[in-house]
Amino acid sequence: MQHYAIAPDISWPAGVSDSIRRVRSNSGFNLTIADAQSTATLISQINSWIQHNEDALMALGTAGASGTVDIGVTVETSDQFNASIVLTPQELTPLSGFGLTLSVSAYPASDP
C-alpha cells in the first residue's frame, strides 16, 4: 500500500491475537478513510476516498485481497441511541464495484 501513499492506522500478520484476544486468521490492516459528525458528510467522504484511490483498490482486488468498509456510529444518549445510516444504491455502487463489504458498527461514546 506504500506505493499508493496509503498509511494504515494499524496492521497485523495472520495468527496474531488482537486487543481482545481473538486470533486473526488473516493478515490485514485498518485505515481511517473518513470521520464526520453527520452521516451525509461521512458517506460523501467515503465515496470521495474510494474515487481518489481507485488504483489502490484495483490492485488489492488483483492481489486477491478483500476489503470491508466499516462505518462506526458512536451512541450514548437516548436521542443518539437510534442512530442510523442510509445508503442509496448510488452510494453503494462504488463499494460493490471494488468488491468491498459494508459493515456498520455501533460503539458506546463512553463506558459506564
N, C-alpha and C. Protein backbone atom coordinates (compact mmCIF):
# COMPACT_ATOMS: atom_id res chain seq x y z
N MET A 1 0.81 -1.19 0.00
CA MET A 1 0.00 0.00 0.00
C MET A 1 0.86 1.27 0.00
N GLN A 2 2.12 1.12 0.38
CA GLN A 2 3.00 2.29 0.38
C GLN A 2 3.13 2.89 -1.01
N HIS A 3 3.08 2.04 -2.03
CA HIS A 3 3.16 2.52 -3.42
C HIS A 3 2.05 3.52 -3.71
N TYR A 4 0.92 3.37 -3.03
CA TYR A 4 -0.23 4.24 -3.26
C TYR A 4 -0.38 5.32 -2.20
N ALA A 5 0.63 5.53 -1.39
CA ALA A 5 0.64 6.55 -0.33
C ALA A 5 -0.51 6.35 0.65
N ILE A 6 -0.80 5.09 0.96
CA ILE A 6 -1.83 4.77 1.95
C ILE A 6 -1.11 4.24 3.19
N ALA A 7 -1.32 4.91 4.30
CA ALA A 7 -0.65 4.53 5.54
C ALA A 7 -1.69 3.98 6.53
N PRO A 8 -1.70 2.68 6.76
CA PRO A 8 -2.67 2.09 7.70
C PRO A 8 -2.50 2.63 9.12
N ASP A 9 -3.63 2.67 9.84
CA ASP A 9 -3.59 3.04 11.25
C ASP A 9 -2.93 1.92 12.05
N ILE A 10 -3.20 0.68 11.65
CA ILE A 10 -2.63 -0.49 12.30
C ILE A 10 -2.62 -1.63 11.28
N SER A 11 -1.65 -2.51 11.40
CA SER A 11 -1.61 -3.70 10.54
C SER A 11 -1.20 -4.89 11.40
N TRP A 12 -1.50 -6.10 10.90
CA TRP A 12 -1.21 -7.31 11.66
C TRP A 12 -0.98 -8.48 10.74
N PRO A 13 -0.15 -9.43 11.17
CA PRO A 13 0.02 -10.68 10.42
C PRO A 13 -1.00 -11.72 10.89
N ALA A 14 -1.28 -12.68 10.06
CA ALA A 14 -2.18 -13.78 10.43
C ALA A 14 -1.61 -14.51 11.65
N GLY A 15 -2.50 -14.98 12.52
CA GLY A 15 -2.09 -15.76 13.67
C GLY A 15 -1.79 -14.97 14.92
N VAL A 16 -1.86 -13.64 14.84
CA VAL A 16 -1.57 -12.79 16.00
C VAL A 16 -2.88 -12.42 16.69
N SER A 17 -2.88 -12.39 18.01
CA SER A 17 -4.07 -12.01 18.77
C SER A 17 -4.27 -10.50 18.74
N ASP A 18 -5.55 -10.10 18.71
CA ASP A 18 -5.85 -8.68 18.77
C ASP A 18 -6.02 -8.25 20.23
N SER A 19 -6.49 -7.03 20.46
CA SER A 19 -6.56 -6.49 21.82
C SER A 19 -7.58 -7.21 22.70
N ILE A 20 -8.52 -7.93 22.11
CA ILE A 20 -9.48 -8.69 22.94
C ILE A 20 -9.26 -10.19 22.79
N ARG A 21 -8.03 -10.55 22.44
CA ARG A 21 -7.54 -11.93 22.42
C ARG A 21 -8.15 -12.82 21.34
N ARG A 22 -8.69 -12.22 20.29
CA ARG A 22 -9.12 -13.02 19.14
C ARG A 22 -7.91 -13.22 18.24
N VAL A 23 -7.70 -14.44 17.79
CA VAL A 23 -6.58 -14.71 16.89
C VAL A 23 -7.03 -14.37 15.48
N ARG A 24 -6.28 -13.52 14.84
CA ARG A 24 -6.62 -13.09 13.48
C ARG A 24 -6.25 -14.20 12.50
N SER A 25 -7.23 -14.60 11.70
CA SER A 25 -6.99 -15.69 10.75
C SER A 25 -6.29 -15.20 9.49
N ASN A 26 -6.37 -13.90 9.21
CA ASN A 26 -5.74 -13.34 8.00
C ASN A 26 -4.90 -12.12 8.37
N SER A 27 -3.93 -11.84 7.54
CA SER A 27 -3.20 -10.58 7.68
C SER A 27 -4.12 -9.46 7.23
N GLY A 28 -3.89 -8.26 7.76
CA GLY A 28 -4.74 -7.16 7.36
C GLY A 28 -4.30 -5.84 7.96
N PHE A 29 -5.15 -4.84 7.75
CA PHE A 29 -4.87 -3.52 8.31
C PHE A 29 -6.17 -2.74 8.45
N ASN A 30 -6.13 -1.76 9.33
CA ASN A 30 -7.22 -0.79 9.49
C ASN A 30 -6.73 0.54 8.97
N LEU A 31 -7.64 1.26 8.36
CA LEU A 31 -7.31 2.55 7.78
C LEU A 31 -8.52 3.46 7.94
N THR A 32 -8.35 4.58 8.60
CA THR A 32 -9.44 5.55 8.72
C THR A 32 -9.52 6.32 7.41
N ILE A 33 -10.68 6.23 6.75
CA ILE A 33 -10.82 6.92 5.46
C ILE A 33 -11.79 8.10 5.55
N ALA A 34 -12.53 8.21 6.66
CA ALA A 34 -13.46 9.32 6.83
C ALA A 34 -13.78 9.48 8.30
N ASP A 35 -14.10 10.70 8.69
CA ASP A 35 -14.51 10.99 10.05
C ASP A 35 -15.36 12.25 10.00
N ALA A 36 -16.63 12.13 10.36
CA ALA A 36 -17.53 13.27 10.25
C ALA A 36 -18.62 13.20 11.31
N GLN A 37 -19.21 14.34 11.60
CA GLN A 37 -20.29 14.43 12.58
C GLN A 37 -21.63 13.97 12.00
N SER A 38 -21.85 14.16 10.70
CA SER A 38 -23.12 13.76 10.10
C SER A 38 -22.91 12.58 9.16
N THR A 39 -23.94 11.75 9.04
CA THR A 39 -23.81 10.58 8.16
C THR A 39 -23.71 11.01 6.70
N ALA A 40 -24.38 12.08 6.32
CA ALA A 40 -24.31 12.55 4.94
C ALA A 40 -22.88 12.94 4.58
N THR A 41 -22.22 13.65 5.47
CA THR A 41 -20.82 14.05 5.23
C THR A 41 -19.92 12.83 5.24
N LEU A 42 -20.18 11.90 6.15
CA LEU A 42 -19.38 10.67 6.23
C LEU A 42 -19.45 9.89 4.92
N ILE A 43 -20.64 9.68 4.40
CA ILE A 43 -20.82 8.92 3.16
C ILE A 43 -20.14 9.65 2.01
N SER A 44 -20.26 10.96 1.98
CA SER A 44 -19.59 11.75 0.93
C SER A 44 -18.07 11.58 1.00
N GLN A 45 -17.52 11.61 2.23
CA GLN A 45 -16.07 11.44 2.40
C GLN A 45 -15.63 10.03 1.98
N ILE A 46 -16.42 9.02 2.31
CA ILE A 46 -16.09 7.64 1.93
C ILE A 46 -16.06 7.52 0.42
N ASN A 47 -17.10 8.02 -0.25
CA ASN A 47 -17.15 7.92 -1.71
C ASN A 47 -16.02 8.70 -2.36
N SER A 48 -15.67 9.85 -1.80
CA SER A 48 -14.55 10.63 -2.33
C SER A 48 -13.24 9.87 -2.19
N TRP A 49 -13.03 9.23 -1.03
CA TRP A 49 -11.81 8.46 -0.81
C TRP A 49 -11.73 7.30 -1.81
N ILE A 50 -12.83 6.62 -2.01
CA ILE A 50 -12.85 5.49 -2.95
C ILE A 50 -12.50 5.98 -4.36
N GLN A 51 -13.10 7.08 -4.80
CA GLN A 51 -12.80 7.62 -6.13
C GLN A 51 -11.34 8.01 -6.26
N HIS A 52 -10.78 8.61 -5.22
CA HIS A 52 -9.39 9.06 -5.24
C HIS A 52 -8.40 7.89 -5.21
N ASN A 53 -8.83 6.75 -4.69
CA ASN A 53 -7.93 5.61 -4.51
C ASN A 53 -8.33 4.39 -5.34
N GLU A 54 -8.94 4.63 -6.48
CA GLU A 54 -9.39 3.53 -7.34
C GLU A 54 -8.24 2.60 -7.73
N ASP A 55 -7.09 3.14 -8.07
CA ASP A 55 -5.95 2.30 -8.48
C ASP A 55 -5.52 1.36 -7.36
N ALA A 56 -5.47 1.86 -6.12
CA ALA A 56 -5.09 1.02 -4.98
C ALA A 56 -6.12 -0.07 -4.75
N LEU A 57 -7.40 0.26 -4.87
CA LEU A 57 -8.45 -0.73 -4.67
C LEU A 57 -8.42 -1.80 -5.75
N MET A 58 -8.13 -1.40 -6.99
CA MET A 58 -8.00 -2.39 -8.07
C MET A 58 -6.81 -3.30 -7.82
N ALA A 59 -5.70 -2.73 -7.34
CA ALA A 59 -4.51 -3.53 -7.05
C ALA A 59 -4.79 -4.54 -5.93
N LEU A 60 -5.52 -4.13 -4.91
CA LEU A 60 -5.88 -5.06 -3.84
C LEU A 60 -6.71 -6.22 -4.38
N GLY A 61 -7.69 -5.90 -5.22
CA GLY A 61 -8.52 -6.94 -5.81
C GLY A 61 -7.73 -7.88 -6.68
N THR A 62 -6.82 -7.34 -7.47
CA THR A 62 -5.97 -8.15 -8.34
C THR A 62 -5.07 -9.07 -7.52
N ALA A 63 -4.66 -8.61 -6.35
CA ALA A 63 -3.79 -9.41 -5.47
C ALA A 63 -4.59 -10.45 -4.68
N GLY A 64 -5.91 -10.45 -4.86
CA GLY A 64 -6.73 -11.43 -4.15
C GLY A 64 -7.14 -10.99 -2.75
N ALA A 65 -6.88 -9.74 -2.42
CA ALA A 65 -7.25 -9.23 -1.10
C ALA A 65 -8.72 -8.82 -1.09
N SER A 66 -9.30 -8.83 0.09
CA SER A 66 -10.68 -8.36 0.23
C SER A 66 -10.69 -7.19 1.19
N GLY A 67 -11.72 -6.38 1.10
CA GLY A 67 -11.80 -5.22 1.97
C GLY A 67 -13.19 -5.03 2.53
N THR A 68 -13.24 -4.39 3.69
CA THR A 68 -14.50 -4.06 4.33
C THR A 68 -14.48 -2.59 4.72
N VAL A 69 -15.50 -1.86 4.35
CA VAL A 69 -15.68 -0.51 4.85
C VAL A 69 -16.59 -0.64 6.07
N ASP A 70 -16.05 -0.34 7.23
CA ASP A 70 -16.80 -0.44 8.49
C ASP A 70 -17.16 0.96 8.93
N ILE A 71 -18.44 1.29 8.87
CA ILE A 71 -18.90 2.60 9.30
C ILE A 71 -19.24 2.51 10.78
N GLY A 72 -18.50 3.23 11.58
CA GLY A 72 -18.71 3.22 13.02
C GLY A 72 -19.60 4.37 13.45
N VAL A 73 -20.60 4.05 14.25
CA VAL A 73 -21.51 5.04 14.78
C VAL A 73 -21.33 5.06 16.29
N THR A 74 -21.12 6.24 16.84
CA THR A 74 -20.98 6.38 18.28
C THR A 74 -22.33 6.77 18.86
N VAL A 75 -22.78 6.02 19.86
CA VAL A 75 -24.07 6.32 20.50
C VAL A 75 -23.87 6.43 22.00
N GLU A 76 -24.63 7.31 22.61
CA GLU A 76 -24.51 7.47 24.06
C GLU A 76 -25.85 7.75 24.70
N THR A 77 -26.50 8.82 24.32
CA THR A 77 -27.74 9.22 24.97
C THR A 77 -28.95 8.67 24.21
N SER A 78 -30.12 8.75 24.83
CA SER A 78 -31.32 8.20 24.22
C SER A 78 -31.62 8.85 22.88
N ASP A 79 -31.28 10.13 22.70
CA ASP A 79 -31.55 10.77 21.41
C ASP A 79 -30.56 10.32 20.34
N GLN A 80 -29.44 9.71 20.72
CA GLN A 80 -28.49 9.18 19.76
C GLN A 80 -28.60 7.67 19.62
N PHE A 81 -29.33 7.04 20.52
CA PHE A 81 -29.35 5.58 20.54
C PHE A 81 -29.83 4.97 19.24
N ASN A 82 -30.76 5.61 18.58
CA ASN A 82 -31.31 5.08 17.34
C ASN A 82 -30.62 5.66 16.11
N ALA A 83 -29.35 5.91 16.22
CA ALA A 83 -28.59 6.42 15.07
C ALA A 83 -28.70 5.45 13.92
N SER A 84 -28.87 5.98 12.73
CA SER A 84 -28.97 5.11 11.57
C SER A 84 -28.18 5.70 10.41
N ILE A 85 -27.85 4.83 9.49
CA ILE A 85 -27.13 5.22 8.29
C ILE A 85 -27.92 4.67 7.11
N VAL A 86 -28.22 5.53 6.18
CA VAL A 86 -28.95 5.12 4.98
C VAL A 86 -28.04 5.36 3.78
N LEU A 87 -27.84 4.32 3.01
CA LEU A 87 -27.04 4.43 1.79
C LEU A 87 -27.95 4.16 0.59
N THR A 88 -27.89 5.04 -0.37
CA THR A 88 -28.67 4.87 -1.59
C THR A 88 -27.95 3.89 -2.51
N PRO A 89 -28.65 3.36 -3.52
CA PRO A 89 -27.96 2.49 -4.48
C PRO A 89 -26.75 3.18 -5.12
N GLN A 90 -26.85 4.48 -5.38
CA GLN A 90 -25.72 5.21 -5.97
C GLN A 90 -24.53 5.29 -5.02
N GLU A 91 -24.80 5.34 -3.72
CA GLU A 91 -23.72 5.38 -2.73
C GLU A 91 -23.11 4.00 -2.51
N LEU A 92 -23.88 2.96 -2.75
CA LEU A 92 -23.37 1.60 -2.60
C LEU A 92 -22.58 1.14 -3.82
N THR A 93 -22.84 1.72 -4.97
CA THR A 93 -22.19 1.30 -6.21
C THR A 93 -20.67 1.32 -6.13
N PRO A 94 -20.04 2.39 -5.62
CA PRO A 94 -18.57 2.37 -5.54
C PRO A 94 -18.04 1.24 -4.67
N LEU A 95 -18.76 0.91 -3.59
CA LEU A 95 -18.32 -0.19 -2.72
C LEU A 95 -18.38 -1.52 -3.47
N SER A 96 -19.51 -1.79 -4.07
CA SER A 96 -19.66 -3.08 -4.75
C SER A 96 -18.79 -3.16 -5.99
N GLY A 97 -18.54 -2.03 -6.63
CA GLY A 97 -17.70 -2.02 -7.82
C GLY A 97 -16.29 -2.51 -7.56
N PHE A 98 -15.81 -2.33 -6.34
CA PHE A 98 -14.47 -2.80 -5.96
C PHE A 98 -14.52 -4.03 -5.07
N GLY A 99 -15.69 -4.63 -4.96
CA GLY A 99 -15.82 -5.84 -4.16
C GLY A 99 -15.68 -5.61 -2.67
N LEU A 100 -15.98 -4.41 -2.21
CA LEU A 100 -15.86 -4.09 -0.80
C LEU A 100 -17.13 -4.49 -0.06
N THR A 101 -16.96 -5.04 1.13
CA THR A 101 -18.06 -5.37 2.01
C THR A 101 -18.37 -4.16 2.87
N LEU A 102 -19.64 -3.96 3.18
CA LEU A 102 -20.04 -2.86 4.05
C LEU A 102 -20.45 -3.42 5.41
N SER A 103 -19.91 -2.83 6.45
CA SER A 103 -20.26 -3.19 7.82
C SER A 103 -20.62 -1.91 8.56
N VAL A 104 -21.64 -1.96 9.40
CA VAL A 104 -21.99 -0.82 10.24
C VAL A 104 -21.89 -1.29 11.69
N SER A 105 -21.09 -0.59 12.48
CA SER A 105 -20.84 -0.96 13.87
C SER A 105 -21.22 0.19 14.79
N ALA A 106 -21.82 -0.14 15.93
CA ALA A 106 -22.15 0.87 16.94
C ALA A 106 -21.18 0.76 18.11
N TYR A 107 -20.71 1.87 18.57
CA TYR A 107 -19.76 1.91 19.68
C TYR A 107 -20.28 2.87 20.74
N PRO A 108 -20.11 2.53 22.02
CA PRO A 108 -20.53 3.48 23.07
C PRO A 108 -19.59 4.68 23.09
N ALA A 109 -20.17 5.86 23.33
CA ALA A 109 -19.35 7.07 23.40
C ALA A 109 -18.44 7.03 24.61
N SER A 110 -18.90 6.39 25.67
CA SER A 110 -18.07 6.22 26.87
C SER A 110 -18.54 5.00 27.61
N ASP A 111 -17.66 4.44 28.40
CA ASP A 111 -18.02 3.29 29.22
C ASP A 111 -18.72 3.78 30.47
N PRO A 112 -19.76 3.04 30.93
CA PRO A 112 -20.47 3.46 32.16
C PRO A 112 -19.58 3.40 33.38
